[in-house]
PDB file of N, CA and C in Angstrom:
ATOM      1  N   MET A   1     -72.434  29.577 -10.713  1.00  0.00           N
ATOM      2  CA  MET A   1     -71.485  30.515 -10.146  1.00  0.00           C
ATOM      3  C   MET A   1     -70.088  30.223 -10.667  1.00  0.00           C
ATOM      4  N   ASN A   2     -69.364  31.266 -11.060  1.00  0.00           N
ATOM      5  CA  ASN A   2     -67.970  31.027 -11.552  1.00  0.00           C
ATOM      6  C   ASN A   2     -67.026  30.967 -10.336  1.00  0.00           C
ATOM      7  N   LYS A   3     -65.780  30.584 -10.630  1.00  0.00           N
ATOM      8  CA  LYS A   3     -64.823  30.328  -9.515  1.00  0.00           C
ATOM      9  C   LYS A   3     -64.606  31.588  -8.668  1.00  0.00           C
ATOM     10  N   SER A   4     -64.495  32.780  -9.263  1.00  0.00           N
ATOM     11  CA  SER A   4     -64.251  33.959  -8.449  1.00  0.00           C
ATOM     12  C   SER A   4     -65.451  34.271  -7.554  1.00  0.00           C
ATOM     13  N   ASP A   5     -66.681  33.999  -8.042  1.00  0.00           N
ATOM     14  CA  ASP A   5     -67.870  34.190  -7.181  1.00  0.00           C
ATOM     15  C   ASP A   5     -67.845  33.209  -6.034  1.00  0.00           C
ATOM     16  N   LEU A   6     -67.423  31.959  -6.305  1.00  0.00           N
ATOM     17  CA  LEU A   6     -67.312  30.963  -5.254  1.00  0.00           C
ATOM     18  C   LEU A   6     -66.282  31.357  -4.223  1.00  0.00           C
ATOM     19  N   GLU A   7     -65.156  31.883  -4.686  1.00  0.00           N
ATOM     20  CA  GLU A   7     -64.096  32.315  -3.793  1.00  0.00           C
ATOM     21  C   GLU A   7     -64.596  33.462  -2.905  1.00  0.00           C
ATOM     22  N   GLU A   8     -65.366  34.396  -3.478  1.00  0.00           N
ATOM     23  CA  GLU A   8     -65.909  35.506  -2.659  1.00  0.00           C
ATOM     24  C   GLU A   8     -66.902  34.972  -1.626  1.00  0.00           C
ATOM     25  N   LEU A   9     -67.734  33.997  -2.022  1.00  0.00           N
ATOM     26  CA  LEU A   9     -68.674  33.409  -1.087  1.00  0.00           C
ATOM     27  C   LEU A   9     -67.938  32.691   0.034  1.00  0.00           C
ATOM     28  N   PHE A  10     -66.902  31.928  -0.297  1.00  0.00           N
ATOM     29  CA  PHE A  10     -66.170  31.213   0.722  1.00  0.00           C
ATOM     30  C   PHE A  10     -65.455  32.215   1.657  1.00  0.00           C
ATOM     31  N   TRP A  11     -64.939  33.300   1.121  1.00  0.00           N
ATOM     32  CA  TRP A  11     -64.277  34.303   1.983  1.00  0.00           C
ATOM     33  C   TRP A  11     -65.281  34.936   2.892  1.00  0.00           C
ATOM     34  N   PHE A  12     -66.490  35.213   2.403  1.00  0.00           N
ATOM     35  CA  PHE A  12     -67.553  35.717   3.261  1.00  0.00           C
ATOM     36  C   PHE A  12     -67.858  34.760   4.407  1.00  0.00           C
ATOM     37  N   GLN A  13     -67.928  33.457   4.092  1.00  0.00           N
ATOM     38  CA  GLN A  13     -68.187  32.423   5.114  1.00  0.00           C
ATOM     39  C   GLN A  13     -67.076  32.405   6.167  1.00  0.00           C
ATOM     40  N   ILE A  14     -65.831  32.474   5.681  1.00  0.00           N
ATOM     41  CA  ILE A  14     -64.695  32.466   6.575  1.00  0.00           C
ATOM     42  C   ILE A  14     -64.717  33.673   7.533  1.00  0.00           C
ATOM     43  N   ARG A  15     -65.058  34.820   6.988  1.00  0.00           N
ATOM     44  CA  ARG A  15     -65.161  36.022   7.821  1.00  0.00           C
ATOM     45  C   ARG A  15     -66.292  35.917   8.825  1.00  0.00           C
ATOM     46  N   ALA A  16     -67.398  35.301   8.404  1.00  0.00           N
ATOM     47  CA  ALA A  16     -68.598  35.183   9.240  1.00  0.00           C
ATOM     48  C   ALA A  16     -68.314  34.342  10.494  1.00  0.00           C
ATOM     49  N   VAL A  17     -67.378  33.367  10.367  1.00  0.00           N
ATOM     50  CA  VAL A  17     -67.055  32.541  11.543  1.00  0.00           C
ATOM     51  C   VAL A  17     -65.799  32.979  12.259  1.00  0.00           C
ATOM     52  N   GLY A  18     -65.193  34.071  11.788  1.00  0.00           N
ATOM     53  CA  GLY A  18     -64.032  34.669  12.471  1.00  0.00           C
ATOM     54  C   GLY A  18     -62.701  34.023  12.203  1.00  0.00           C
ATOM     55  N   LEU A  19     -62.617  33.292  11.101  1.00  0.00           N
ATOM     56  CA  LEU A  19     -61.311  32.650  10.745  1.00  0.00           C
ATOM     57  C   LEU A  19     -60.397  33.574   9.941  1.00  0.00           C
ATOM     58  N   ASP A  20     -60.906  34.696   9.489  1.00  0.00           N
ATOM     59  CA  ASP A  20     -60.141  35.537   8.562  1.00  0.00           C
ATOM     60  C   ASP A  20     -58.834  36.089   9.118  1.00  0.00           C
ATOM     61  N   ARG A  21     -58.689  36.101  10.453  1.00  0.00           N
ATOM     62  CA  ARG A  21     -57.390  36.547  11.060  1.00  0.00           C
ATOM     63  C   ARG A  21     -56.241  35.667  10.678  1.00  0.00           C
ATOM     64  N   PHE A  22     -56.560  34.397  10.467  1.00  0.00           N
ATOM     65  CA  PHE A  22     -55.484  33.432  10.251  1.00  0.00           C
ATOM     66  C   PHE A  22     -55.463  32.816   8.826  1.00  0.00           C
ATOM     67  N   VAL A  23     -56.363  33.272   7.962  1.00  0.00           N
ATOM     68  CA  VAL A  23     -56.446  32.731   6.617  1.00  0.00           C
ATOM     69  C   VAL A  23     -55.906  33.709   5.598  1.00  0.00           C
ATOM     70  N   VAL A  24     -55.138  33.188   4.723  1.00  0.00           N
ATOM     71  CA  VAL A  24     -54.540  33.984   3.604  1.00  0.00           C
ATOM     72  C   VAL A  24     -55.157  33.499   2.296  1.00  0.00           C
ATOM     73  N   ARG A  25     -55.514  34.462   1.458  1.00  0.00           N
ATOM     74  CA  ARG A  25     -56.041  34.094   0.110  1.00  0.00           C
ATOM     75  C   ARG A  25     -54.879  34.074  -0.864  1.00  0.00           C
ATOM     76  N   GLU A  26     -54.943  33.108  -1.781  1.00  0.00           N
ATOM     77  CA  GLU A  26     -53.937  33.004  -2.843  1.00  0.00           C
ATOM     78  C   GLU A  26     -52.491  32.937  -2.333  1.00  0.00           C
ATOM     79  N   LEU A  27     -52.273  32.110  -1.347  1.00  0.00           N
ATOM     80  CA  LEU A  27     -50.933  31.963  -0.771  1.00  0.00           C
ATOM     81  C   LEU A  27     -49.990  31.256  -1.733  1.00  0.00           C
ATOM     82  N   VAL A  28     -48.894  31.933  -2.059  1.00  0.00           N
ATOM     83  CA  VAL A  28     -47.835  31.263  -2.829  1.00  0.00           C
ATOM     84  C   VAL A  28     -47.050  30.401  -1.894  1.00  0.00           C
ATOM     85  N   PHE A  29     -47.184  29.085  -1.989  1.00  0.00           N
ATOM     86  CA  PHE A  29     -46.516  28.204  -1.043  1.00  0.00           C
ATOM     87  C   PHE A  29     -45.262  27.583  -1.567  1.00  0.00           C
ATOM     88  N   ALA A  30     -45.000  27.710  -2.879  1.00  0.00           N
ATOM     89  CA  ALA A  30     -43.761  27.213  -3.475  1.00  0.00           C
ATOM     90  C   ALA A  30     -43.339  28.253  -4.509  1.00  0.00           C
ATOM     91  N   LYS A  31     -42.538  29.198  -4.071  1.00  0.00           N
ATOM     92  CA  LYS A  31     -42.156  30.331  -4.884  1.00  0.00           C
ATOM     93  C   LYS A  31     -41.525  29.930  -6.220  1.00  0.00           C
ATOM     94  N   ASP A  32     -40.677  28.902  -6.177  1.00  0.00           N
ATOM     95  CA  ASP A  32     -39.990  28.455  -7.399  1.00  0.00           C
ATOM     96  C   ASP A  32     -40.991  27.929  -8.456  1.00  0.00           C
ATOM     97  N   ARG A  33     -42.172  27.488  -7.988  1.00  0.00           N
ATOM     98  CA  ARG A  33     -43.164  26.953  -8.919  1.00  0.00           C
ATOM     99  C   ARG A  33     -44.347  27.919  -9.072  1.00  0.00           C
ATOM    100  N   LYS A  34     -44.410  28.942  -8.261  1.00  0.00           N
ATOM    101  CA  LYS A  34     -45.507  29.926  -8.288  1.00  0.00           C
ATOM    102  C   LYS A  34     -46.862  29.284  -8.060  1.00  0.00           C
ATOM    103  N   TYR A  35     -46.891  28.164  -7.360  1.00  0.00           N
ATOM    104  CA  TYR A  35     -48.134  27.500  -6.995  1.00  0.00           C
ATOM    105  C   TYR A  35     -48.826  28.302  -5.919  1.00  0.00           C
ATOM    106  N   ARG A  36     -50.127  28.420  -6.018  1.00  0.00           N
ATOM    107  CA  ARG A  36     -50.912  29.144  -5.033  1.00  0.00           C
ATOM    108  C   ARG A  36     -52.010  28.243  -4.452  1.00  0.00           C
ATOM    109  N   LEU A  37     -52.312  28.491  -3.188  1.00  0.00           N
ATOM    110  CA  LEU A  37     -53.445  27.830  -2.550  1.00  0.00           C
ATOM    111  C   LEU A  37     -54.557  28.861  -2.414  1.00  0.00           C
ATOM    112  N   ASP A  38     -55.788  28.484  -2.813  1.00  0.00           N
ATOM    113  CA  ASP A  38     -56.887  29.439  -2.784  1.00  0.00           C
ATOM    114  C   ASP A  38     -57.077  30.072  -1.391  1.00  0.00           C
ATOM    115  N   PHE A  39     -57.118  29.232  -0.364  1.00  0.00           N
ATOM    116  CA  PHE A  39     -57.310  29.710   1.003  1.00  0.00           C
ATOM    117  C   PHE A  39     -56.399  28.881   1.883  1.00  0.00           C
ATOM    118  N   ALA A  40     -55.601  29.519   2.716  1.00  0.00           N
ATOM    119  CA  ALA A  40     -54.627  28.803   3.548  1.00  0.00           C
ATOM    120  C   ALA A  40     -54.673  29.317   4.999  1.00  0.00           C
ATOM    121  N   HIS A  41     -54.897  28.402   5.913  1.00  0.00           N
ATOM    122  CA  HIS A  41     -54.864  28.703   7.354  1.00  0.00           C
ATOM    123  C   HIS A  41     -53.434  28.464   7.794  1.00  0.00           C
ATOM    124  N   LEU A  42     -52.739  29.523   8.107  1.00  0.00           N
ATOM    125  CA  LEU A  42     -51.278  29.476   8.336  1.00  0.00           C
ATOM    126  C   LEU A  42     -50.908  28.676   9.538  1.00  0.00           C
ATOM    127  N   LEU A  43     -51.620  28.814  10.663  1.00  0.00           N
ATOM    128  CA  LEU A  43     -51.238  28.149  11.897  1.00  0.00           C
ATOM    129  C   LEU A  43     -51.304  26.629  11.794  1.00  0.00           C
ATOM    130  N   SER A  44     -52.328  26.127  11.133  1.00  0.00           N
ATOM    131  CA  SER A  44     -52.513  24.703  11.050  1.00  0.00           C
ATOM    132  C   SER A  44     -52.009  24.083   9.744  1.00  0.00           C
ATOM    133  N   GLN A  45     -51.686  24.910   8.784  1.00  0.00           N
ATOM    134  CA  GLN A  45     -51.281  24.494   7.473  1.00  0.00           C
ATOM    135  C   GLN A  45     -52.351  23.656   6.799  1.00  0.00           C
ATOM    136  N   VAL A  46     -53.606  24.138   6.916  1.00  0.00           N
ATOM    137  CA  VAL A  46     -54.749  23.531   6.212  1.00  0.00           C
ATOM    138  C   VAL A  46     -55.181  24.513   5.127  1.00  0.00           C
ATOM    139  N   ALA A  47     -55.410  23.995   3.947  1.00  0.00           N
ATOM    140  CA  ALA A  47     -55.755  24.832   2.811  1.00  0.00           C
ATOM    141  C   ALA A  47     -57.006  24.293   2.090  1.00  0.00           C
ATOM    142  N   VAL A  48     -57.667  25.158   1.338  1.00  0.00           N
ATOM    143  CA  VAL A  48     -58.804  24.802   0.534  1.00  0.00           C
ATOM    144  C   VAL A  48     -58.519  25.209  -0.902  1.00  0.00           C
ATOM    145  N   GLU A  49     -58.783  24.287  -1.806  1.00  0.00           N
ATOM    146  CA  GLU A  49     -58.681  24.560  -3.225  1.00  0.00           C
ATOM    147  C   GLU A  49     -60.068  24.366  -3.810  1.00  0.00           C
ATOM    148  N   ILE A  50     -60.677  25.476  -4.334  1.00  0.00           N
ATOM    149  CA  ILE A  50     -61.975  25.381  -4.920  1.00  0.00           C
ATOM    150  C   ILE A  50     -61.825  24.951  -6.361  1.00  0.00           C
ATOM    151  N   GLN A  51     -62.482  23.833  -6.698  1.00  0.00           N
ATOM    152  CA  GLN A  51     -62.422  23.286  -8.057  1.00  0.00           C
ATOM    153  C   GLN A  51     -63.552  23.889  -8.887  1.00  0.00           C
ATOM    154  N   GLY A  52     -63.237  24.918  -9.623  1.00  0.00           N
ATOM    155  CA  GLY A  52     -64.214  25.576 -10.490  1.00  0.00           C
ATOM    156  C   GLY A  52     -64.286  24.908 -11.844  1.00  0.00           C
ATOM    157  N   GLY A  53     -65.420  25.006 -12.483  1.00  0.00           N
ATOM    158  CA  GLY A  53     -65.607  24.505 -13.842  1.00  0.00           C
ATOM    159  C   GLY A  53     -65.440  23.000 -14.010  1.00  0.00           C
ATOM    160  N   ILE A  54     -65.818  22.244 -12.979  1.00  0.00           N
ATOM    161  CA  ILE A  54     -65.616  20.787 -13.080  1.00  0.00           C
ATOM    162  C   ILE A  54     -66.548  20.126 -14.095  1.00  0.00           C
ATOM    163  N   TRP A  55     -67.599  20.812 -14.491  1.00  0.00           N
ATOM    164  CA  TRP A  55     -68.531  20.230 -15.474  1.00  0.00           C
ATOM    165  C   TRP A  55     -68.264  20.762 -16.892  1.00  0.00           C
ATOM    166  N   LYS A  56     -67.208  21.523 -17.045  1.00  0.00           N
ATOM    167  CA  LYS A  56     -66.905  22.092 -18.382  1.00  0.00           C
ATOM    168  C   LYS A  56     -65.620  21.449 -18.893  1.00  0.00           C
ATOM    169  N   PRO A  57     -65.578  21.201 -20.193  1.00  0.00           N
ATOM    170  CA  PRO A  57     -64.359  20.630 -20.745  1.00  0.00           C
ATOM    171  C   PRO A  57     -63.213  21.648 -20.778  1.00  0.00           C
ATOM    172  N   GLY A  58     -61.983  21.121 -20.652  1.00  0.00           N
ATOM    173  CA  GLY A  58     -60.783  21.984 -20.731  1.00  0.00           C
ATOM    174  C   GLY A  58     -60.241  22.321 -19.368  1.00  0.00           C
ATOM    175  N   GLY A  59     -59.162  23.124 -19.342  1.00  0.00           N
ATOM    176  CA  GLY A  59     -58.530  23.565 -18.109  1.00  0.00           C
ATOM    177  C   GLY A  59     -58.061  22.424 -17.254  1.00  0.00           C
ATOM    178  N   HIS A  60     -58.596  22.361 -16.045  1.00  0.00           N
ATOM    179  CA  HIS A  60     -58.188  21.373 -15.063  1.00  0.00           C
ATOM    180  C   HIS A  60     -58.713  19.997 -15.379  1.00  0.00           C
ATOM    181  N   ASN A  61     -59.621  19.870 -16.360  1.00  0.00           N
ATOM    182  CA  ASN A  61     -60.194  18.583 -16.695  1.00  0.00           C
ATOM    183  C   ASN A  61     -59.457  17.877 -17.803  1.00  0.00           C
ATOM    184  N   THR A  62     -58.380  18.350 -18.242  1.00  0.00           N
ATOM    185  CA  THR A  62     -57.579  17.701 -19.288  1.00  0.00           C
ATOM    186  C   THR A  62     -56.464  16.902 -18.581  1.00  0.00           C
ATOM    187  N   GLY A  63     -55.867  16.011 -19.363  1.00  0.00           N
ATOM    188  CA  GLY A  63     -54.741  15.243 -18.799  1.00  0.00           C
ATOM    189  C   GLY A  63     -53.621  16.157 -18.253  1.00  0.00           C
ATOM    190  N   VAL A  64     -53.356  17.197 -18.965  1.00  0.00           N
ATOM    191  CA  VAL A  64     -52.272  18.162 -18.548  1.00  0.00           C
ATOM    192  C   VAL A  64     -52.723  18.874 -17.264  1.00  0.00           C
ATOM    193  N   GLY A  65     -53.983  19.300 -17.233  1.00  0.00           N
ATOM    194  CA  GLY A  65     -54.478  19.993 -16.040  1.00  0.00           C
ATOM    195  C   GLY A  65     -54.553  19.112 -14.798  1.00  0.00           C
ATOM    196  N   ILE A  66     -54.983  17.874 -14.958  1.00  0.00           N
ATOM    197  CA  ILE A  66     -55.050  16.935 -13.868  1.00  0.00           C
ATOM    198  C   ILE A  66     -53.624  16.630 -13.360  1.00  0.00           C
ATOM    199  N   SER A  67     -52.713  16.428 -14.311  1.00  0.00           N
ATOM    200  CA  SER A  67     -51.290  16.159 -13.894  1.00  0.00           C
ATOM    201  C   SER A  67     -50.729  17.346 -13.135  1.00  0.00           C
ATOM    202  N   ARG A  68     -51.006  18.545 -13.596  1.00  0.00           N
ATOM    203  CA  ARG A  68     -50.485  19.758 -12.928  1.00  0.00           C
ATOM    204  C   ARG A  68     -51.113  19.848 -11.518  1.00  0.00           C
ATOM    205  N   ASP A  69     -52.397  19.576 -11.400  1.00  0.00           N
ATOM    206  CA  ASP A  69     -53.048  19.644 -10.090  1.00  0.00           C
ATOM    207  C   ASP A  69     -52.472  18.601  -9.150  1.00  0.00           C
ATOM    208  N   CYS A  70     -52.209  17.387  -9.672  1.00  0.00           N
ATOM    209  CA  CYS A  70     -51.621  16.313  -8.845  1.00  0.00           C
ATOM    210  C   CYS A  70     -50.245  16.737  -8.346  1.00  0.00           C
ATOM    211  N   GLU A  71     -49.443  17.315  -9.216  1.00  0.00           N
ATOM    212  CA  GLU A  71     -48.120  17.773  -8.825  1.00  0.00           C
ATOM    213  C   GLU A  71     -48.221  18.860  -7.761  1.00  0.00           C
ATOM    214  N   LYS A  72     -49.117  19.800  -7.932  1.00  0.00           N
ATOM    215  CA  LYS A  72     -49.302  20.895  -6.963  1.00  0.00           C
ATOM    216  C   LYS A  72     -49.721  20.359  -5.596  1.00  0.00           C
ATOM    217  N   LEU A  73     -50.747  19.501  -5.575  1.00  0.00           N
ATOM    218  CA  LEU A  73     -51.224  18.957  -4.317  1.00  0.00           C
ATOM    219  C   LEU A  73     -50.212  18.058  -3.633  1.00  0.00           C
ATOM    220  N   SER A  74     -49.468  17.291  -4.426  1.00  0.00           N
ATOM    221  CA  SER A  74     -48.413  16.454  -3.839  1.00  0.00           C
ATOM    222  C   SER A  74     -47.304  17.281  -3.262  1.00  0.00           C
ATOM    223  N   LEU A  75     -46.902  18.317  -3.952  1.00  0.00           N
ATOM    224  CA  LEU A  75     -45.857  19.221  -3.418  1.00  0.00           C
ATOM    225  C   LEU A  75     -46.346  19.883  -2.130  1.00  0.00           C
ATOM    226  N   ALA A  76     -47.605  20.327  -2.117  1.00  0.00           N
ATOM    227  CA  ALA A  76     -48.132  20.939  -0.907  1.00  0.00           C
ATOM    228  C   ALA A  76     -48.103  19.973   0.241  1.00  0.00           C
ATOM    229  N   ALA A  77     -48.504  18.710  -0.018  1.00  0.00           N
ATOM    230  CA  ALA A  77     -48.482  17.693   1.055  1.00  0.00           C
ATOM    231  C   ALA A  77     -47.100  17.453   1.580  1.00  0.00           C
ATOM    232  N   SER A  78     -46.113  17.402   0.640  1.00  0.00           N
ATOM    233  CA  SER A  78     -44.746  17.151   1.028  1.00  0.00           C
ATOM    234  C   SER A  78     -44.157  18.293   1.854  1.00  0.00           C
ATOM    235  N   LEU A  79     -44.768  19.452   1.761  1.00  0.00           N
ATOM    236  CA  LEU A  79     -44.340  20.619   2.569  1.00  0.00           C
ATOM    237  C   LEU A  79     -45.196  20.782   3.835  1.00  0.00           C
ATOM    238  N   GLY A  80     -46.019  19.765   4.119  1.00  0.00           N
ATOM    239  CA  GLY A  80     -46.743  19.787   5.366  1.00  0.00           C
ATOM    240  C   GLY A  80     -48.191  20.347   5.328  1.00  0.00           C
ATOM    241  N   TRP A  81     -48.659  20.650   4.115  1.00  0.00           N
ATOM    242  CA  TRP A  81     -49.995  21.198   3.959  1.00  0.00           C
ATOM    243  C   TRP A  81     -51.033  20.074   3.819  1.00  0.00           C
ATOM    244  N   ARG A  82     -52.213  20.262   4.420  1.00  0.00           N
ATOM    245  CA  ARG A  82     -53.383  19.402   4.189  1.00  0.00           C
ATOM    246  C   ARG A  82     -54.291  20.239   3.324  1.00  0.00           C
ATOM    247  N   VAL A  83     -54.456  19.808   2.091  1.00  0.00           N
ATOM    248  CA  VAL A  83     -55.262  20.547   1.130  1.00  0.00           C
ATOM    249  C   VAL A  83     -56.599  19.865   0.880  1.00  0.00           C
ATOM    250  N   LEU A  84     -57.650  20.598   1.100  1.00  0.00           N
ATOM    251  CA  LEU A  84     -59.013  20.065   0.877  1.00  0.00           C
ATOM    252  C   LEU A  84     -59.535  20.562  -0.468  1.00  0.00           C
ATOM    253  N   PRO A  85     -59.582  19.667  -1.464  1.00  0.00           N
ATOM    254  CA  PRO A  85     -60.211  20.104  -2.730  1.00  0.00           C
ATOM    255  C   PRO A  85     -61.735  20.053  -2.564  1.00  0.00           C
ATOM    256  N   VAL A  86     -62.403  21.158  -2.917  1.00  0.00           N
ATOM    257  CA  VAL A  86     -63.855  21.249  -2.760  1.00  0.00           C
ATOM    258  C   VAL A  86     -64.508  21.731  -4.028  1.00  0.00           C
ATOM    259  N   THR A  87     -65.776  21.380  -4.205  1.00  0.00           N
ATOM    260  CA  THR A  87     -66.520  21.761  -5.379  1.00  0.00           C
ATOM    261  C   THR A  87     -67.314  23.058  -5.076  1.00  0.00           C
ATOM    262  N   GLY A  88     -67.865  23.647  -6.103  1.00  0.00           N
ATOM    263  CA  GLY A  88     -68.705  24.851  -5.932  1.00  0.00           C
ATOM    264  C   GLY A  88     -69.907  24.514  -5.093  1.00  0.00           C
ATOM    265  N   ARG A  89     -70.502  23.374  -5.297  1.00  0.00           N
ATOM    266  CA  ARG A  89     -71.706  22.995  -4.517  1.00  0.00           C
ATOM    267  C   ARG A  89     -71.334  22.911  -3.048  1.00  0.00           C
ATOM    268  N   MET A  90     -70.150  22.392  -2.726  1.00  0.00           N
ATOM    269  CA  MET A  90     -69.719  22.278  -1.307  1.00  0.00           C
ATOM    270  C   MET A  90     -69.562  23.651  -0.686  1.00  0.00           C
ATOM    271  N   VAL A  91     -69.109  24.630  -1.491  1.00  0.00           N
ATOM    272  CA  VAL A  91     -69.008  26.030  -0.971  1.00  0.00           C
ATOM    273  C   VAL A  91     -70.404  26.568  -0.743  1.00  0.00           C
ATOM    274  N   GLU A  92     -71.278  26.385  -1.722  1.00  0.00           N
ATOM    275  CA  GLU A  92     -72.609  26.960  -1.647  1.00  0.00           C
ATOM    276  C   GLU A  92     -73.422  26.408  -0.461  1.00  0.00           C
ATOM    277  N   ASP A  93     -73.312  25.111  -0.185  1.00  0.00           N
ATOM    278  CA  ASP A  93     -74.106  24.534   0.857  1.00  0.00           C
ATOM    279  C   ASP A  93     -73.435  24.519   2.260  1.00  0.00           C
ATOM    280  N   GLY A  94     -72.225  25.087   2.332  1.00  0.00           N
ATOM    281  CA  GLY A  94     -71.543  25.182   3.618  1.00  0.00           C
ATOM    282  C   GLY A  94     -70.691  23.986   3.980  1.00  0.00           C
ATOM    283  N   THR A  95     -70.707  22.928   3.184  1.00  0.00           N
ATOM    284  CA  THR A  95     -69.919  21.771   3.486  1.00  0.00           C
ATOM    285  C   THR A  95     -68.406  22.061   3.478  1.00  0.00           C
ATOM    286  N   ALA A  96     -67.977  22.867   2.537  1.00  0.00           N
ATOM    287  CA  ALA A  96     -66.525  23.234   2.433  1.00  0.00           C
ATOM    288  C   ALA A  96     -66.081  23.909   3.737  1.00  0.00           C
ATOM    289  N   LEU A  97     -66.835  24.867   4.210  1.00  0.00           N
ATOM    290  CA  LEU A  97     -66.461  25.560   5.437  1.00  0.00           C
ATOM    291  C   LEU A  97     -66.459  24.591   6.631  1.00  0.00           C
ATOM    292  N   ASN A  98     -67.449  23.702   6.659  1.00  0.00           N
ATOM    293  CA  ASN A  98     -67.474  22.713   7.716  1.00  0.00           C
ATOM    294  C   ASN A  98     -66.237  21.853   7.763  1.00  0.00           C
ATOM    295  N   TYR A  99     -65.827  21.332   6.588  1.00  0.00           N
ATOM    296  CA  TYR A  99     -64.629  20.506   6.493  1.00  0.00           C
ATOM    297  C   TYR A  99     -63.393  21.310   6.894  1.00  0.00           C
ATOM    298  N   PHE A 100     -63.360  22.543   6.406  1.00  0.00           N
ATOM    299  CA  PHE A 100     -62.209  23.421   6.681  1.00  0.00           C
ATOM    300  C   PHE A 100     -62.056  23.646   8.201  1.00  0.00           C
ATOM    301  N   GLU A 101     -63.197  24.005   8.868  1.00  0.00           N
ATOM    302  CA  GLU A 101     -63.120  24.238  10.302  1.00  0.00           C
ATOM    303  C   GLU A 101     -62.773  22.957  11.063  1.00  0.00           C
ATOM    304  N   ARG A 102     -63.366  21.840  10.661  1.00  0.00           N
ATOM    305  CA  ARG A 102     -63.082  20.575  11.348  1.00  0.00           C
ATOM    306  C   ARG A 102     -61.640  20.174  11.209  1.00  0.00           C
ATOM    307  N   THR A 103     -61.058  20.371  10.054  1.00  0.00           N
ATOM    308  CA  THR A 103     -59.684  19.964   9.809  1.00  0.00           C
ATOM    309  C   THR A 103     -58.756  20.885  10.585  1.00  0.00           C
ATOM    310  N   ILE A 104     -59.043  22.169  10.585  1.00  0.00           N
ATOM    311  CA  ILE A 104     -58.259  23.133  11.354  1.00  0.00           C
ATOM    312  C   ILE A 104     -58.325  22.739  12.859  1.00  0.00           C
ATOM    313  N   ASP A 105     -59.503  22.467  13.372  1.00  0.00           N
ATOM    314  CA  ASP A 105     -59.661  22.091  14.746  1.00  0.00           C
ATOM    315  C   ASP A 105     -58.858  20.841  15.070  1.00  0.00           C
ATOM    316  N   MET A 106     -58.926  19.839  14.190  1.00  0.00           N
ATOM    317  CA  MET A 106     -58.183  18.593  14.392  1.00  0.00           C
ATOM    318  C   MET A 106     -56.684  18.828  14.477  1.00  0.00           C
ATOM    319  N   CYS A 107     -56.204  19.643  13.532  1.00  0.00           N
ATOM    320  CA  CYS A 107     -54.754  19.950  13.488  1.00  0.00           C
ATOM    321  C   CYS A 107     -54.340  20.785  14.730  1.00  0.00           C
ATOM    322  N   SER A 108     -55.219  21.735  15.154  1.00  0.00           N
ATOM    323  CA  SER A 108     -54.902  22.533  16.322  1.00  0.00           C
ATOM    324  C   SER A 108     -54.824  21.665  17.572  1.00  0.00           C
ATOM    325  N   GLU A 109     -55.715  20.709  17.691  1.00  0.00           N
ATOM    326  CA  GLU A 109     -55.678  19.792  18.856  1.00  0.00           C
ATOM    327  C   GLU A 109     -54.370  19.011  18.854  1.00  0.00           C
ATOM    328  N   ARG A 110     -53.938  18.585  17.730  1.00  0.00           N
ATOM    329  CA  ARG A 110     -52.657  17.824  17.643  1.00  0.00           C
ATOM    330  C   ARG A 110     -51.486  18.679  18.049  1.00  0.00           C
ATOM    331  N   ILE A 111     -51.513  19.937  17.647  1.00  0.00           N
ATOM    332  CA  ILE A 111     -50.442  20.864  17.992  1.00  0.00           C
ATOM    333  C   ILE A 111     -50.448  21.093  19.515  1.00  0.00           C
ATOM    334  N   GLU A 112     -51.640  21.325  20.094  1.00  0.00           N
ATOM    335  CA  GLU A 112     -51.763  21.559  21.524  1.00  0.00           C
ATOM    336  C   GLU A 112     -51.345  20.318  22.343  1.00  0.00           C
ATOM    337  N   ASN A 113     -51.666  19.141  21.800  1.00  0.00           N
ATOM    338  CA  ASN A 113     -51.389  17.899  22.539  1.00  0.00           C
ATOM    339  C   ASN A 113     -50.019  17.307  22.254  1.00  0.00           C
ATOM    340  N   GLU A 114     -49.268  17.981  21.438  1.00  0.00           N
ATOM    341  CA  GLU A 114     -47.951  17.428  21.025  1.00  0.00           C
ATOM    342  C   GLU A 114     -47.065  17.199  22.257  1.00  0.00           C
ATOM    343  N   SER A 115     -47.183  18.057  23.245  1.00  0.00           N
ATOM    344  CA  SER A 115     -46.336  17.886  24.460  1.00  0.00           C
ATOM    345  C   SER A 115     -46.729  16.659  25.250  1.00  0.00           C
ATOM    346  N   ASP A 116     -47.955  16.133  25.032  1.00  0.00           N
ATOM    347  CA  ASP A 116     -48.400  14.915  25.706  1.00  0.00           C
ATOM    348  C   ASP A 116     -47.886  13.666  25.066  1.00  0.00           C
ATOM    349  N   ILE A 117     -47.327  13.739  23.875  1.00  0.00           N
ATOM    350  CA  ILE A 117     -46.887  12.550  23.150  1.00  0.00           C
ATOM    351  C   ILE A 117     -45.616  11.998  23.785  1.00  0.00           C
ATOM    352  N   GLN A 118     -45.652  10.728  24.047  1.00  0.00           N
ATOM    353  CA  GLN A 118     -44.502  10.045  24.580  1.00  0.00           C
ATOM    354  C   GLN A 118     -43.546   9.701  23.411  1.00  0.00           C
ATOM    355  N   ARG A 119     -42.347  10.263  23.453  1.00  0.00           N
ATOM    356  CA  ARG A 119     -41.400  10.038  22.396  1.00  0.00           C
ATOM    357  C   ARG A 119     -40.393   8.952  22.850  1.00  0.00           C
ATOM    358  N   PRO A 120     -40.071   8.031  21.933  1.00  0.00           N
ATOM    359  CA  PRO A 120     -39.091   7.010  22.332  1.00  0.00           C
ATOM    360  C   PRO A 120     -37.706   7.630  22.539  1.00  0.00           C
ATOM    361  N   GLU A 121     -37.004   7.122  23.475  1.00  0.00           N
ATOM    362  CA  GLU A 121     -35.662   7.683  23.778  1.00  0.00           C
ATOM    363  C   GLU A 121     -34.559   6.934  23.027  1.00  0.00           C
TER     364      GLU A 121
END
């Protein structure tokens, strides 16, 4: 399956569990760099990046590609995003969706429970 097929399958899975109201595809999260996140849950700032072509030479598998991906993921993290890099197999077997849902749930619980946190004065 190529990357666009995997993205369509993941989008189908997201819609099937009702997350599509809160998920944006191809979100530009750093306009000055034009970096995009494949799937981004806006409320929790959890995103998924599908790693296509991991068994093929070139693209993201070169030193330049890996460096660019590291910069993108680090910038996303510095802006508050939790980015889950997933493989095509993880999309196909449902593992990617499972991790996505679990991470969204974990972040949502933290947001809900933030008022319970004792802050030092």
